[in-house]
Amino acid sequence: MDDLQNFDFVERHPSPDDRRSRIAVLADAGRDALRDTDKASRRVTDDPLAPLGAEQRKAPHTLLLRVSDRDRG
């Protein structure tokens, strides 16, 4: 949490219910970073699959879900 605050991604505010507690709130810089990360992650998956149609994209997605479910069990 300290690192996130040092990067101005979060702000700490006093808790209205407990003066010993602090509440972490996402700051504007944190929202921007989260938005950028989300866009980048979509590019990582969308770019390689760009030549495929919607139906063809389902097959790799289904297979990856199957593999990830197996690793959980």
N, C-alpha and C. Protein backbone atom coordinates (compact mmCIF):
# COMPACT_ATOMS: atom_id res chain seq x y z
N MET A 1 0.81 -1.17 0.00
CA MET A 1 0.00 0.00 0.00
C MET A 1 0.87 1.25 0.00
N ASP A 2 1.98 1.18 0.72
CA ASP A 2 2.88 2.34 0.75
C ASP A 2 3.38 2.68 -0.65
N ASP A 3 3.76 1.65 -1.42
CA ASP A 3 4.24 1.89 -2.78
C ASP A 3 3.16 2.52 -3.66
N LEU A 4 1.94 2.02 -3.55
CA LEU A 4 0.85 2.60 -4.33
C LEU A 4 0.62 4.06 -3.96
N GLN A 5 0.76 4.36 -2.69
CA GLN A 5 0.60 5.75 -2.27
C GLN A 5 1.79 6.60 -2.75
N ASN A 6 2.99 6.04 -2.72
CA ASN A 6 4.17 6.77 -3.21
C ASN A 6 4.05 7.11 -4.70
N PHE A 7 3.37 6.26 -5.46
CA PHE A 7 3.15 6.52 -6.89
C PHE A 7 1.89 7.37 -7.13
N ASP A 8 1.27 7.82 -6.06
CA ASP A 8 0.03 8.60 -6.12
C ASP A 8 -1.13 7.84 -6.75
N PHE A 9 -1.10 6.50 -6.62
CA PHE A 9 -2.18 5.68 -7.15
C PHE A 9 -3.34 5.58 -6.16
N VAL A 10 -3.05 5.66 -4.88
CA VAL A 10 -4.09 5.60 -3.85
C VAL A 10 -3.88 6.73 -2.86
N GLU A 11 -4.96 7.05 -2.18
CA GLU A 11 -4.93 8.01 -1.08
C GLU A 11 -5.49 7.31 0.15
N ARG A 12 -4.96 7.63 1.29
CA ARG A 12 -5.48 7.07 2.54
C ARG A 12 -6.28 8.14 3.26
N HIS A 13 -7.50 7.74 3.66
CA HIS A 13 -8.39 8.64 4.37
C HIS A 13 -8.78 8.01 5.69
N PRO A 14 -9.05 8.83 6.69
CA PRO A 14 -9.51 8.27 7.97
C PRO A 14 -10.87 7.58 7.79
N SER A 15 -11.04 6.48 8.47
CA SER A 15 -12.32 5.79 8.45
C SER A 15 -13.34 6.57 9.28
N PRO A 16 -14.52 6.78 8.74
CA PRO A 16 -15.52 7.50 9.52
C PRO A 16 -16.05 6.67 10.70
N ASP A 17 -15.88 5.35 10.62
CA ASP A 17 -16.42 4.47 11.66
C ASP A 17 -15.41 4.12 12.75
N ASP A 18 -14.12 4.22 12.43
CA ASP A 18 -13.08 3.80 13.38
C ASP A 18 -11.87 4.71 13.19
N ARG A 19 -11.61 5.59 14.13
CA ARG A 19 -10.54 6.56 13.95
C ARG A 19 -9.15 5.93 13.92
N ARG A 20 -9.03 4.65 14.30
CA ARG A 20 -7.75 3.95 14.23
C ARG A 20 -7.48 3.41 12.83
N SER A 21 -8.50 3.32 12.01
CA SER A 21 -8.39 2.72 10.67
C SER A 21 -8.26 3.80 9.60
N ARG A 22 -7.67 3.38 8.49
CA ARG A 22 -7.57 4.24 7.31
C ARG A 22 -8.20 3.49 6.14
N ILE A 23 -8.78 4.23 5.23
CA ILE A 23 -9.40 3.65 4.04
C ILE A 23 -8.56 4.05 2.84
N ALA A 24 -8.22 3.07 2.01
CA ALA A 24 -7.48 3.35 0.77
C ALA A 24 -8.48 3.63 -0.34
N VAL A 25 -8.27 4.75 -1.02
CA VAL A 25 -9.16 5.16 -2.10
C VAL A 25 -8.33 5.32 -3.37
N LEU A 26 -8.82 4.79 -4.47
CA LEU A 26 -8.12 4.90 -5.74
C LEU A 26 -8.07 6.35 -6.18
N ALA A 27 -6.88 6.86 -6.45
CA ALA A 27 -6.70 8.25 -6.89
C ALA A 27 -6.80 8.32 -8.41
N ASP A 28 -6.84 9.52 -8.94
CA ASP A 28 -6.93 9.71 -10.40
C ASP A 28 -5.79 9.01 -11.13
N ALA A 29 -4.58 9.13 -10.60
CA ALA A 29 -3.43 8.48 -11.24
C ALA A 29 -3.59 6.96 -11.22
N GLY A 30 -4.17 6.44 -10.15
CA GLY A 30 -4.43 5.00 -10.06
C GLY A 30 -5.46 4.55 -11.07
N ARG A 31 -6.51 5.36 -11.25
CA ARG A 31 -7.53 5.04 -12.26
C ARG A 31 -6.90 5.03 -13.66
N ASP A 32 -6.07 6.02 -13.94
CA ASP A 32 -5.42 6.10 -15.24
C ASP A 32 -4.53 4.88 -15.47
N ALA A 33 -3.75 4.50 -14.47
CA ALA A 33 -2.86 3.35 -14.59
C ALA A 33 -3.66 2.07 -14.80
N LEU A 34 -4.75 1.93 -14.07
CA LEU A 34 -5.60 0.75 -14.21
C LEU A 34 -6.22 0.69 -15.60
N ARG A 35 -6.66 1.83 -16.11
CA ARG A 35 -7.25 1.89 -17.45
C ARG A 35 -6.19 1.52 -18.50
N ASP A 36 -4.97 2.05 -18.35
CA ASP A 36 -3.90 1.74 -19.30
C ASP A 36 -3.53 0.27 -19.26
N THR A 37 -3.50 -0.30 -18.07
CA THR A 37 -3.18 -1.72 -17.91
C THR A 37 -4.25 -2.58 -18.57
N ASP A 38 -5.51 -2.18 -18.41
CA ASP A 38 -6.61 -2.91 -19.02
C ASP A 38 -6.51 -2.87 -20.54
N LYS A 39 -6.21 -1.70 -21.09
CA LYS A 39 -6.06 -1.58 -22.55
C LYS A 39 -4.91 -2.44 -23.05
N ALA A 40 -3.79 -2.42 -22.34
CA ALA A 40 -2.61 -3.20 -22.74
C ALA A 40 -2.92 -4.70 -22.69
N SER A 41 -3.63 -5.13 -21.66
CA SER A 41 -3.93 -6.56 -21.56
C SER A 41 -4.88 -7.01 -22.68
N ARG A 42 -5.80 -6.14 -23.07
CA ARG A 42 -6.68 -6.48 -24.20
C ARG A 42 -5.89 -6.58 -25.49
N ARG A 43 -4.91 -5.70 -25.67
CA ARG A 43 -4.08 -5.76 -26.89
C ARG A 43 -3.29 -7.07 -26.94
N VAL A 44 -2.80 -7.51 -25.78
CA VAL A 44 -2.01 -8.75 -25.73
C VAL A 44 -2.83 -9.93 -26.20
N THR A 45 -4.11 -9.95 -25.88
CA THR A 45 -4.95 -11.07 -26.31
C THR A 45 -5.59 -10.83 -27.68
N ASP A 46 -5.95 -9.60 -27.97
CA ASP A 46 -6.64 -9.31 -29.23
C ASP A 46 -5.72 -9.35 -30.44
N ASP A 47 -4.52 -8.82 -30.33
CA ASP A 47 -3.62 -8.75 -31.49
C ASP A 47 -3.31 -10.12 -32.10
N PRO A 48 -2.92 -11.11 -31.29
CA PRO A 48 -2.63 -12.41 -31.90
C PRO A 48 -3.86 -13.09 -32.50
N LEU A 49 -5.04 -12.77 -31.95
CA LEU A 49 -6.27 -13.41 -32.43
C LEU A 49 -6.97 -12.60 -33.52
N ALA A 50 -6.39 -11.49 -33.92
CA ALA A 50 -7.02 -10.61 -34.91
C ALA A 50 -7.40 -11.31 -36.21
N PRO A 51 -6.58 -12.24 -36.73
CA PRO A 51 -6.96 -12.89 -37.99
C PRO A 51 -8.15 -13.84 -37.87
N LEU A 52 -8.55 -14.17 -36.64
CA LEU A 52 -9.63 -15.12 -36.44
C LEU A 52 -10.98 -14.42 -36.33
N GLY A 53 -12.00 -15.08 -36.79
CA GLY A 53 -13.36 -14.58 -36.63
C GLY A 53 -13.86 -14.86 -35.21
N ALA A 54 -15.05 -14.37 -34.91
CA ALA A 54 -15.60 -14.51 -33.56
C ALA A 54 -15.73 -15.98 -33.14
N GLU A 55 -16.22 -16.81 -34.03
CA GLU A 55 -16.39 -18.24 -33.70
C GLU A 55 -15.03 -18.91 -33.52
N GLN A 56 -14.07 -18.56 -34.35
CA GLN A 56 -12.73 -19.16 -34.24
C GLN A 56 -12.04 -18.74 -32.95
N ARG A 57 -12.33 -17.57 -32.43
CA ARG A 57 -11.72 -17.10 -31.18
C ARG A 57 -12.23 -17.90 -29.99
N LYS A 58 -13.41 -18.46 -30.10
CA LYS A 58 -13.98 -19.21 -28.98
C LYS A 58 -13.17 -20.48 -28.69
N ALA A 59 -12.64 -21.11 -29.73
CA ALA A 59 -11.92 -22.38 -29.54
C ALA A 59 -10.68 -22.21 -28.65
N PRO A 60 -9.77 -21.29 -28.94
CA PRO A 60 -8.62 -21.13 -28.03
C PRO A 60 -9.04 -20.73 -26.61
N HIS A 61 -10.06 -19.89 -26.53
CA HIS A 61 -10.55 -19.46 -25.22
C HIS A 61 -11.07 -20.65 -24.43
N THR A 62 -11.85 -21.48 -25.06
CA THR A 62 -12.40 -22.67 -24.41
C THR A 62 -11.30 -23.62 -23.96
N LEU A 63 -10.30 -23.81 -24.83
CA LEU A 63 -9.19 -24.70 -24.48
C LEU A 63 -8.37 -24.14 -23.30
N LEU A 64 -8.13 -22.86 -23.29
CA LEU A 64 -7.38 -22.26 -22.18
C LEU A 64 -8.15 -22.36 -20.87
N LEU A 65 -9.46 -22.19 -20.93
CA LEU A 65 -10.27 -22.35 -19.72
C LEU A 65 -10.20 -23.78 -19.20
N ARG A 66 -10.23 -24.72 -20.12
CA ARG A 66 -10.15 -26.13 -19.73
C ARG A 66 -8.82 -26.43 -19.06
N VAL A 67 -7.72 -25.90 -19.60
CA VAL A 67 -6.40 -26.11 -19.02
C VAL A 67 -6.31 -25.44 -17.63
N SER A 68 -6.81 -24.24 -17.52
CA SER A 68 -6.72 -23.53 -16.24
C SER A 68 -7.58 -24.20 -15.17
N ASP A 69 -8.72 -24.75 -15.54
CA ASP A 69 -9.56 -25.46 -14.57
C ASP A 69 -8.88 -26.73 -14.09
N ARG A 70 -8.16 -27.38 -14.96
CA ARG A 70 -7.45 -28.62 -14.58
C ARG A 70 -6.36 -28.32 -13.56
N ASP A 71 -5.69 -27.18 -13.73
CA ASP A 71 -4.61 -26.82 -12.81
C ASP A 71 -5.13 -26.47 -11.43
N ARG A 72 -6.38 -26.07 -11.32
CA ARG A 72 -6.95 -25.72 -10.00
C ARG A 72 -7.29 -26.96 -9.19
N GLY A 73 -7.63 -28.02 -9.88
CA GLY A 73 -8.11 -29.21 -9.19
C GLY A 73 -7.04 -30.04 -8.70
